[in-house]
C-alpha atoms as a PDB file:
ATOM      1  CA  MET A   1      28.679 122.133  -0.826  1.00  0.00           C
ATOM      2  CA  ASP A   2      25.000 122.052   0.367  1.00  0.00           C
ATOM      3  CA  ARG A   3      22.653 118.844   0.259  1.00  0.00           C
ATOM      4  CA  VAL A   4      19.461 119.867  -1.203  1.00  0.00           C
ATOM      5  CA  VAL A   5      16.712 116.960  -1.693  1.00  0.00           C
ATOM      6  CA  ILE A   6      13.618 117.234  -4.171  1.00  0.00           C
ATOM      7  CA  LEU A   7      10.904 115.853  -3.296  1.00  0.00           C
ATOM      8  CA  GLY A   8       8.365 115.784  -6.615  1.00  0.00           C
ATOM      9  CA  SER A   9      11.498 115.472  -8.830  1.00  0.00           C
ATOM     10  CA  ALA A  10       9.734 113.468 -11.329  1.00  0.00           C
ATOM     11  CA  GLY A  11       6.825 115.918 -11.985  1.00  0.00           C
ATOM     12  CA  PHE A  12       6.382 118.904 -14.214  1.00  0.00           C
ATOM     13  CA  LEU A  13       7.854 121.682 -11.710  1.00  0.00           C
ATOM     14  CA  GLY A  14       9.798 118.858  -9.886  1.00  0.00           C
ATOM     15  CA  LYS A  15      12.251 118.175 -12.983  1.00  0.00           C
ATOM     16  CA  GLN A  16      13.062 121.924 -14.096  1.00  0.00           C
ATOM     17  CA  VAL A  17      13.996 122.652 -10.340  1.00  0.00           C
ATOM     18  CA  SER A  18      16.060 119.391 -10.242  1.00  0.00           C
ATOM     19  CA  GLU A  19      17.670 120.581 -13.445  1.00  0.00           C
ATOM     20  CA  LEU A  20      18.231 123.667 -12.636  1.00  0.00           C
ATOM     21  CA  PHE A  21      19.702 122.885  -9.134  1.00  0.00           C
ATOM     22  CA  LYS A  22      21.886 120.579 -10.742  1.00  0.00           C
ATOM     23  CA  LYS A  23      23.824 123.538 -12.854  1.00  0.00           C
ATOM     24  CA  GLU A  24      24.685 125.535  -9.485  1.00  0.00           C
ATOM     25  CA  PRO A  25      27.260 124.211  -6.404  1.00  0.00           C
ATOM     26  CA  PHE A  26      24.717 121.830  -4.651  1.00  0.00           C
ATOM     27  CA  ASN A  27      24.476 118.643  -4.096  1.00  0.00           C
ATOM     28  CA  VAL A  28      21.214 117.385  -5.619  1.00  0.00           C
ATOM     29  CA  ILE A  29      19.635 114.228  -4.496  1.00  0.00           C
ATOM     30  CA  ASP A  30      16.381 113.563  -6.354  1.00  0.00           C
ATOM     31  CA  ILE A  31      13.299 112.119  -4.154  1.00  0.00           C
ATOM     32  CA  ALA A  32      10.818 110.567  -6.547  1.00  0.00           C
ATOM     33  CA  ARG A  33       8.308 107.397  -7.844  1.00  0.00           C
ATOM     34  CA  PRO A  34       9.953 104.203  -8.048  1.00  0.00           C
ATOM     35  CA  VAL A  35      12.782 105.922  -5.777  1.00  0.00           C
ATOM     36  CA  CYS A  36      10.608 106.151  -2.550  1.00  0.00           C
ATOM     37  CA  ASP A  37       6.728 105.454  -1.850  1.00  0.00           C
ATOM     38  CA  LEU A  38       6.180 109.325  -0.206  1.00  0.00           C
ATOM     39  CA  THR A  39       3.588 107.732   1.410  1.00  0.00           C
ATOM     40  CA  ASP A  40       5.780 106.033   3.011  1.00  0.00           C
ATOM     41  CA  GLN A  41       6.688 107.921   6.220  1.00  0.00           C
ATOM     42  CA  GLY A  42       9.258 105.324   7.745  1.00  0.00           C
ATOM     43  CA  LYS A  43      11.439 104.938   4.531  1.00  0.00           C
ATOM     44  CA  LEU A  44      11.305 108.753   4.122  1.00  0.00           C
ATOM     45  CA  LEU A  45      13.220 108.876   7.578  1.00  0.00           C
ATOM     46  CA  GLN A  46      15.789 106.587   6.900  1.00  0.00           C
ATOM     47  CA  LEU A  47      16.449 108.345   3.532  1.00  0.00           C
ATOM     48  CA  LEU A  48      16.772 111.182   4.991  1.00  0.00           C
ATOM     49  CA  ASN A  49      18.514 110.395   7.803  1.00  0.00           C
ATOM     50  CA  LYS A  50      21.281 109.090   5.416  1.00  0.00           C
ATOM     51  CA  ILE A  51      21.639 111.787   2.991  1.00  0.00           C
ATOM     52  CA  LYS A  52      21.612 114.798   6.306  1.00  0.00           C
ATOM     53  CA  PRO A  53      20.517 117.692   3.816  1.00  0.00           C
ATOM     54  CA  GLN A  54      20.432 120.968   4.517  1.00  0.00           C
ATOM     55  CA  VAL A  55      17.689 121.969   2.363  1.00  0.00           C
ATOM     56  CA  ILE A  56      14.530 119.977   1.570  1.00  0.00           C
ATOM     57  CA  ILE A  57      12.591 121.029  -1.999  1.00  0.00           C
ATOM     58  CA  ASN A  58       8.775 119.785  -1.586  1.00  0.00           C
ATOM     59  CA  CYS A  59       7.907 119.950  -5.097  1.00  0.00           C
ATOM     60  CA  ALA A  60       5.479 116.830  -4.157  1.00  0.00           C
ATOM     61  CA  ALA A  61       1.999 117.695  -4.750  1.00  0.00           C
ATOM     62  CA  VAL A  62      -1.684 116.251  -6.131  1.00  0.00           C
ATOM     63  CA  VAL A  63      -3.237 118.632  -8.323  1.00  0.00           C
ATOM     64  CA  ASN A  64      -7.428 118.073  -8.400  1.00  0.00           C
ATOM     65  CA  PHE A  65      -9.935 120.685  -8.181  1.00  0.00           C
ATOM     66  CA  GLU A  66     -12.980 118.068  -8.313  1.00  0.00           C
ATOM     67  CA  ASN A  67     -13.855 118.960  -4.961  1.00  0.00           C
ATOM     68  CA  GLN A  68     -14.079 115.226  -3.703  1.00  0.00           C
ATOM     69  CA  PRO A  69     -12.108 113.725  -0.889  1.00  0.00           C
ATOM     70  CA  CYS A  70      -9.101 111.156  -1.178  1.00  0.00           C
ATOM     71  CA  GLU A  71      -6.710 109.909   1.063  1.00  0.00           C
ATOM     72  CA  TYR A  72      -3.982 110.197  -1.250  1.00  0.00           C
ATOM     73  CA  MET A  73      -4.535 113.629  -2.105  1.00  0.00           C
ATOM     74  CA  LYS A  74      -4.385 114.155   1.478  1.00  0.00           C
ATOM     75  CA  ALA A  75      -1.284 112.128   2.438  1.00  0.00           C
ATOM     76  CA  ILE A  76       0.852 113.869  -0.361  1.00  0.00           C
ATOM     77  CA  ASN A  77      -0.220 117.605   0.925  1.00  0.00           C
ATOM     78  CA  VAL A  78      -0.546 117.163   3.920  1.00  0.00           C
ATOM     79  CA  GLU A  79       1.003 114.528   6.407  1.00  0.00           C
ATOM     80  CA  LEU A  80       3.745 114.602   4.023  1.00  0.00           C
ATOM     81  CA  VAL A  81       4.099 118.324   4.625  1.00  0.00           C
ATOM     82  CA  LYS A  82       4.022 117.908   8.423  1.00  0.00           C
ATOM     83  CA  PHE A  83       6.544 115.240   7.888  1.00  0.00           C
ATOM     84  CA  LEU A  84       8.428 117.311   6.706  1.00  0.00           C
ATOM     85  CA  VAL A  85       8.695 120.126   9.488  1.00  0.00           C
ATOM     86  CA  ASN A  86       8.884 117.797  12.001  1.00  0.00           C
ATOM     87  CA  PHE A  87      12.495 116.652  10.490  1.00  0.00           C
ATOM     88  CA  SER A  88      13.393 120.194   9.392  1.00  0.00           C
ATOM     89  CA  LEU A  89      12.920 121.173  13.402  1.00  0.00           C
ATOM     90  CA  THR A  90      14.891 118.071  14.393  1.00  0.00           C
ATOM     91  CA  LYS A  91      17.888 118.473  11.564  1.00  0.00           C
ATOM     92  CA  SER A  92      17.847 122.670  11.378  1.00  0.00           C
ATOM     93  CA  CYS A  93      16.504 121.698   7.752  1.00  0.00           C
ATOM     94  CA  HIS A  94      16.234 125.153   5.352  1.00  0.00           C
ATOM     95  CA  LEU A  95      12.487 123.470   4.196  1.00  0.00           C
ATOM     96  CA  VAL A  96      10.668 125.120   0.735  1.00  0.00           C
ATOM     97  CA  HIS A  97       7.496 124.241   0.576  1.00  0.00           C
ATOM     98  CA  LEU A  98       5.379 124.748  -3.294  1.00  0.00           C
ATOM     99  CA  SER A  99       1.948 125.985  -2.073  1.00  0.00           C
ATOM    100  CA  SER A 100      -0.799 127.598  -4.022  1.00  0.00           C
ATOM    101  CA  ILE A 101      -2.958 130.657  -4.641  1.00  0.00           C
ATOM    102  CA  ALA A 102      -5.429 128.417  -4.542  1.00  0.00           C
ATOM    103  CA  VAL A 103      -5.197 129.491  -0.638  1.00  0.00           C
ATOM    104  CA  HIS A 104      -7.209 132.592  -1.426  1.00  0.00           C
ATOM    105  CA  GLY A 105     -10.250 131.304  -3.332  1.00  0.00           C
ATOM    106  CA  SER A 106     -10.677 130.433  -7.104  1.00  0.00           C
ATOM    107  CA  GLU A 107     -13.349 133.789  -7.857  1.00  0.00           C
ATOM    108  CA  THR A 108     -10.524 136.556  -5.872  1.00  0.00           C
ATOM    109  CA  GLU A 109      -9.238 139.223  -8.856  1.00  0.00           C
ATOM    110  CA  LEU A 110      -6.880 140.887  -7.267  1.00  0.00           C
ATOM    111  CA  ILE A 111      -4.926 138.541  -4.718  1.00  0.00           C
ATOM    112  CA  GLY A 112      -2.012 139.931  -1.907  1.00  0.00           C
ATOM    113  CA  LEU A 113      -0.401 138.614   0.730  1.00  0.00           C
ATOM    114  CA  ASN A 114      -3.097 140.110   3.374  1.00  0.00           C
ATOM    115  CA  THR A 115      -5.925 139.185   0.935  1.00  0.00           C
ATOM    116  CA  ALA A 116      -8.564 136.973   2.912  1.00  0.00           C
ATOM    117  CA  LEU A 117      -7.742 132.552   3.308  1.00  0.00           C
ATOM    118  CA  CYS A 118     -10.893 131.569   1.425  1.00  0.00           C
ATOM    119  CA  PRO A 119      -9.919 128.042  -0.326  1.00  0.00           C
ATOM    120  CA  ASP A 120     -12.902 127.030  -1.881  1.00  0.00           C
ATOM    121  CA  ASN A 121     -12.873 123.364  -2.793  1.00  0.00           C
ATOM    122  CA  TYR A 122     -10.463 119.618  -1.727  1.00  0.00           C
ATOM    123  CA  TYR A 123      -7.649 120.971  -3.375  1.00  0.00           C
ATOM    124  CA  ALA A 124      -7.144 124.277  -2.081  1.00  0.00           C
ATOM    125  CA  ARG A 125      -7.989 123.662   1.732  1.00  0.00           C
ATOM    126  CA  LEU A 126      -5.255 120.490   1.919  1.00  0.00           C
ATOM    127  CA  LYS A 127      -2.908 123.301   0.755  1.00  0.00           C
ATOM    128  CA  LEU A 128      -3.757 125.860   3.399  1.00  0.00           C
ATOM    129  CA  GLU A 129      -3.991 122.973   5.792  1.00  0.00           C
ATOM    130  CA  ALA A 130      -0.135 122.188   5.195  1.00  0.00           C
ATOM    131  CA  ASP A 131       0.132 126.282   4.791  1.00  0.00           C
ATOM    132  CA  GLU A 132      -0.608 126.619   8.576  1.00  0.00           C
ATOM    133  CA  TYR A 133       0.815 123.978   9.588  1.00  0.00           C
ATOM    134  CA  ILE A 134       4.516 124.995   8.200  1.00  0.00           C
ATOM    135  CA  GLU A 135       4.017 128.895   9.572  1.00  0.00           C
ATOM    136  CA  LYS A 136       2.720 127.859  12.958  1.00  0.00           C
ATOM    137  CA  LEU A 137       5.645 125.480  13.759  1.00  0.00           C
ATOM    138  CA  ALA A 138       8.583 125.532  11.332  1.00  0.00           C
ATOM    139  CA  ASN A 139      12.130 127.463  12.657  1.00  0.00           C
ATOM    140  CA  LYS A 140      12.941 128.192   8.859  1.00  0.00           C
ATOM    141  CA  TYR A 141      11.039 127.626   6.283  1.00  0.00           C
ATOM    142  CA  THR A 142       9.841 129.381   2.769  1.00  0.00           C
ATOM    143  CA  ILE A 143       6.117 128.514   1.331  1.00  0.00           C
ATOM    144  CA  LEU A 144       5.654 130.304  -2.533  1.00  0.00           C
ATOM    145  CA  ARG A 145       2.189 130.593  -2.957  1.00  0.00           C
ATOM    146  CA  VAL A 146       2.682 129.937  -7.279  1.00  0.00           C
ATOM    147  CA  CYS A 147      -0.087 130.475  -9.724  1.00  0.00           C
ATOM    148  CA  GLY A 148      -0.988 129.325 -12.886  1.00  0.00           C
ATOM    149  CA  ILE A 149       1.883 127.207 -13.589  1.00  0.00           C
ATOM    150  CA  TYR A 150       2.587 127.474 -18.078  1.00  0.00           C
ATOM    151  CA  GLY A 151       5.074 125.224 -20.028  1.00  0.00           C
ATOM    152  CA  VAL A 152       5.478 122.738 -22.953  1.00  0.00           C
ATOM    153  CA  ASN A 153       3.241 119.980 -21.253  1.00  0.00           C
ATOM    154  CA  GLY A 154       2.249 120.922 -18.793  1.00  0.00           C
ATOM    155  CA  PRO A 155      -0.795 120.304 -16.470  1.00  0.00           C
ATOM    156  CA  SER A 156      -4.118 120.005 -18.402  1.00  0.00           C
ATOM    157  CA  HIS A 157      -6.250 121.913 -15.522  1.00  0.00           C
ATOM    158  CA  LEU A 158      -4.518 125.413 -16.601  1.00  0.00           C
ATOM    159  CA  GLY A 159      -6.490 126.220 -20.241  1.00  0.00           C
ATOM    160  CA  LEU A 160      -2.721 127.998 -21.453  1.00  0.00           C
ATOM    161  CA  ASN A 161      -1.121 124.330 -21.339  1.00  0.00           C
ATOM    162  CA  ASN A 162      -4.079 122.800 -22.986  1.00  0.00           C
ATOM    163  CA  VAL A 163      -3.382 125.902 -25.279  1.00  0.00           C
ATOM    164  CA  ILE A 164       0.369 125.222 -25.946  1.00  0.00           C
ATOM    165  CA  THR A 165      -0.868 121.385 -26.911  1.00  0.00           C
ATOM    166  CA  LYS A 166      -2.647 122.180 -29.627  1.00  0.00           C
ATOM    167  CA  ALA A 167      -0.821 125.110 -31.298  1.00  0.00           C
ATOM    168  CA  LYS A 168       2.383 122.402 -31.307  1.00  0.00           C
ATOM    169  CA  GLN A 169      -0.252 120.553 -32.846  1.00  0.00           C
ATOM    170  CA  GLY A 170      -1.086 123.113 -35.153  1.00  0.00           C
ATOM    171  CA  VAL A 171      -4.695 124.409 -33.661  1.00  0.00           C
ATOM    172  CA  CYS A 172      -5.039 127.303 -33.644  1.00  0.00           C
ATOM    173  CA  PRO A 173      -6.724 128.650 -30.040  1.00  0.00           C
ATOM    174  CA  SER A 174      -9.842 129.928 -29.682  1.00  0.00           C
ATOM    175  CA  ILE A 175     -11.085 132.649 -27.090  1.00  0.00           C
ATOM    176  CA  HIS A 176     -14.637 132.013 -24.933  1.00  0.00           C
ATOM    177  CA  GLY A 177     -16.337 135.305 -24.820  1.00  0.00           C
ATOM    178  CA  PHE A 178     -13.830 138.515 -25.395  1.00  0.00           C
ATOM    179  CA  GLY A 179     -11.375 137.428 -23.663  1.00  0.00           C
ATOM    180  CA  THR A 180     -11.136 140.519 -21.469  1.00  0.00           C
ATOM    181  CA  ALA A 181     -10.153 139.262 -18.142  1.00  0.00           C
ATOM    182  CA  LYS A 182      -6.362 139.170 -17.324  1.00  0.00           C
ATOM    183  CA  ARG A 183      -4.202 136.498 -15.518  1.00  0.00           C
ATOM    184  CA  ASN A 184      -0.344 136.981 -14.821  1.00  0.00           C
ATOM    185  CA  TYR A 185       0.809 133.473 -15.597  1.00  0.00           C
ATOM    186  CA  ILE A 186       4.312 132.683 -14.621  1.00  0.00           C
ATOM    187  CA  HIS A 187       6.349 130.108 -16.709  1.00  0.00           C
ATOM    188  CA  VAL A 188       7.974 127.095 -14.933  1.00  0.00           C
ATOM    189  CA  GLN A 189      11.433 127.297 -15.199  1.00  0.00           C
ATOM    190  CA  ASP A 190      10.815 131.218 -13.673  1.00  0.00           C
ATOM    191  CA  VAL A 191       9.284 129.600 -10.993  1.00  0.00           C
ATOM    192  CA  ALA A 192      12.387 127.221 -10.643  1.00  0.00           C
ATOM    193  CA  TYR A 193      14.524 130.370 -10.750  1.00  0.00           C
ATOM    194  CA  ALA A 194      12.072 131.791  -7.953  1.00  0.00           C
ATOM    195  CA  VAL A 195      13.041 128.365  -5.776  1.00  0.00           C
ATOM    196  CA  LEU A 196      16.845 128.397  -6.709  1.00  0.00           C
ATOM    197  CA  TYR A 197      16.118 132.038  -5.903  1.00  0.00           C
ATOM    198  CA  ALA A 198      14.621 131.287  -2.194  1.00  0.00           C
ATOM    199  CA  VAL A 199      17.565 128.877  -1.190  1.00  0.00           C
ATOM    200  CA  LYS A 200      20.836 130.593  -2.518  1.00  0.00           C
ATOM    201  CA  ASN A 201      19.625 134.346  -0.532  1.00  0.00           C
ATOM    202  CA  LYS A 202      17.876 132.512   2.170  1.00  0.00           C
ATOM    203  CA  VAL A 203      14.281 134.181   1.493  1.00  0.00           C
ATOM    204  CA  PHE A 204      12.557 132.977   4.614  1.00  0.00           C
ATOM    205  CA  ASN A 205       8.682 132.938   5.368  1.00  0.00           C
ATOM    206  CA  THR A 206       5.490 132.650   3.164  1.00  0.00           C
ATOM    207  CA  HIS A 207       5.557 134.782  -0.947  1.00  0.00           C
ATOM    208  CA  LEU A 208       2.868 134.796  -3.834  1.00  0.00           C
ATOM    209  CA  ILE A 209       5.038 133.872  -7.173  1.00  0.00           C
ATOM    210  CA  ALA A 210       3.285 134.643 -10.466  1.00  0.00           C
ATOM    211  CA  GLY A 211       4.594 136.451 -13.744  1.00  0.00           C
ATOM    212  CA  SER A 212       5.090 140.069 -14.106  1.00  0.00           C
ATOM    213  CA  GLU A 213       3.218 141.057 -16.942  1.00  0.00           C
ATOM    214  CA  VAL A 214      -0.278 141.510 -16.373  1.00  0.00           C
ATOM    215  CA  LEU A 215      -2.250 140.300 -19.765  1.00  0.00           C
ATOM    216  CA  SER A 216      -5.361 139.666 -20.617  1.00  0.00           C
ATOM    217  CA  ILE A 217      -6.771 136.340 -22.313  1.00  0.00           C
ATOM    218  CA  LEU A 218      -6.806 137.779 -25.391  1.00  0.00           C
ATOM    219  CA  GLU A 219      -3.594 138.998 -25.495  1.00  0.00           C
ATOM    220  CA  ILE A 220      -2.127 135.448 -23.733  1.00  0.00           C
ATOM    221  CA  MET A 221      -4.209 133.766 -27.381  1.00  0.00           C
ATOM    222  CA  LYS A 222      -2.591 137.030 -29.442  1.00  0.00           C
ATOM    223  CA  THR A 223       1.370 136.147 -28.281  1.00  0.00           C
ATOM    224  CA  VAL A 224       0.902 132.217 -28.578  1.00  0.00           C
ATOM    225  CA  CYS A 225      -1.155 132.651 -32.157  1.00  0.00           C
ATOM    226  CA  GLU A 226       1.995 135.045 -32.803  1.00  0.00           C
ATOM    227  CA  VAL A 227       4.656 131.859 -31.770  1.00  0.00           C
ATOM    228  CA  TYR A 228       2.684 129.375 -33.635  1.00  0.00           C
ATOM    229  CA  PHE A 229       0.707 130.918 -36.012  1.00  0.00           C
ATOM    230  CA  ASN A 230       2.552 133.648 -37.461  1.00  0.00           C
ATOM    231  CA  GLY A 231       0.004 135.898 -36.580  1.00  0.00           C
ATOM    232  CA  GLU A 232      -2.677 134.465 -37.197  1.00  0.00           C
ATOM    233  CA  GLN A 233      -6.004 135.513 -35.003  1.00  0.00           C
ATOM    234  CA  PRO A 234      -7.678 133.793 -32.501  1.00  0.00           C
ATOM    235  CA  LYS A 235     -10.468 131.646 -33.109  1.00  0.00           C
ATOM    236  CA  TYR A 236     -13.328 133.407 -30.964  1.00  0.00           C
ATOM    237  CA  ILE A 237     -16.053 131.814 -29.389  1.00  0.00           C
ATOM    238  CA  THR A 238     -19.286 134.145 -28.468  1.00  0.00           C
ATOM    239  CA  ASN A 239     -22.864 132.886 -26.210  1.00  0.00           C
ATOM    240  CA  THR A 240     -20.438 132.357 -23.097  1.00  0.00           C
ATOM    241  CA  LYS A 241     -19.409 133.674 -19.682  1.00  0.00           C
ATOM    242  CA  GLU A 242     -17.118 136.642 -19.054  1.00  0.00           C
ATOM    243  CA  ALA A 243     -14.137 135.075 -17.355  1.00  0.00           C
ATOM    244  CA  ARG A 244     -13.273 137.064 -13.510  1.00  0.00           C
ATOM    245  CA  ASP A 245      -9.555 138.697 -13.404  1.00  0.00           C
ATOM    246  CA  GLN A 246      -7.665 137.141 -11.323  1.00  0.00           C
ATOM    247  CA  VAL A 247      -4.615 138.448 -10.692  1.00  0.00           C
ATOM    248  CA  ILE A 248      -1.199 137.872  -7.928  1.00  0.00           C
ATOM    249  CA  VAL A 249       0.813 140.525  -6.119  1.00  0.00           C
ATOM    250  CA  ASN A 250       3.814 139.126  -6.817  1.00  0.00           C
ATOM    251  CA  SER A 251       6.718 139.373  -4.388  1.00  0.00           C
ATOM    252  CA  SER A 252       8.836 142.536  -4.962  1.00  0.00           C
ATOM    253  CA  LEU A 253      11.717 140.051  -2.610  1.00  0.00           C
ATOM    254  CA  PHE A 254      11.774 137.647  -6.389  1.00  0.00           C
ATOM    255  CA  PRO A 255      13.078 138.251  -9.407  1.00  0.00           C
ATOM    256  CA  GLN A 256      11.206 139.952 -12.254  1.00  0.00           C
ATOM    257  CA  THR A 257      10.271 137.482 -14.367  1.00  0.00           C
ATOM    258  CA  HIS A 258      10.036 136.472 -18.305  1.00  0.00           C
ATOM    259  CA  SER A 259       7.548 137.130 -21.264  1.00  0.00           C
ATOM    260  CA  LEU A 260       4.973 135.168 -22.315  1.00  0.00           C
ATOM    261  CA  LYS A 261       6.148 135.776 -25.512  1.00  0.00           C
ATOM    262  CA  TYR A 262      10.184 135.211 -24.817  1.00  0.00           C
ATOM    263  CA  MET A 263       9.117 131.887 -22.535  1.00  0.00           C
ATOM    264  CA  LEU A 264       6.939 130.628 -25.848  1.00  0.00           C
ATOM    265  CA  LYS A 265      10.075 131.218 -27.869  1.00  0.00           C
ATOM    266  CA  GLU A 266      12.509 130.451 -25.887  1.00  0.00           C
ATOM    267  CA  TRP A 267      11.594 127.118 -23.448  1.00  0.00           C
ATOM    268  CA  SER A 268       8.863 126.095 -26.952  1.00  0.00           C
END
């Protein structure tokens, strides 16, 4: 039975990955605060040497789009990754790293694996630095560049998560502009499935992970209204700047994801 270490297992995504892997024939070891300070590489090395993992899944990340340099953010998003690459090389581990489509820029409307890398904030630049280090030096690695992840109690930097939180409190969603911009967000559970699929099927290299369903913001808000408000129409806020499309070409090696309506009903 393979020993699988999951870093950041207390977070929004890491928790789902951990719960899913524990249903499979793996020996899962969670590493998160307060078990181990992930910036303490000496302690982390002792822990990993004791565990002797075959697979390391890195869900640990500090997400902040304010574009302000931060030593802790760099320690987790870059220095931790470099440490994991070096450890995985010496121990021949499969390193699975959760990255972000932010490395392709926030204004890019259609993102494929060959789309130019143009990070336009500090967080995205750190993610790209980590990705490039993995691609240059790691042997058995999987980088999953994930789009916006939604779900109950999801991070507030994604507007859909705020909409879901308010909908559960009885607040009907609003649309800024006409809602024509398209998105293919992905539910946190589908991301966890993608991680499991990569490990079980030994899918290596770099891949884009996004929802199979492409919806306009209007369609997204109407779906939220259908699930939480019996089809009540969302409210419109006019005289605002219309958002751009941002659609990600999902890797063909991974299974189809679930629809927004299904996930809101099943996981709300």
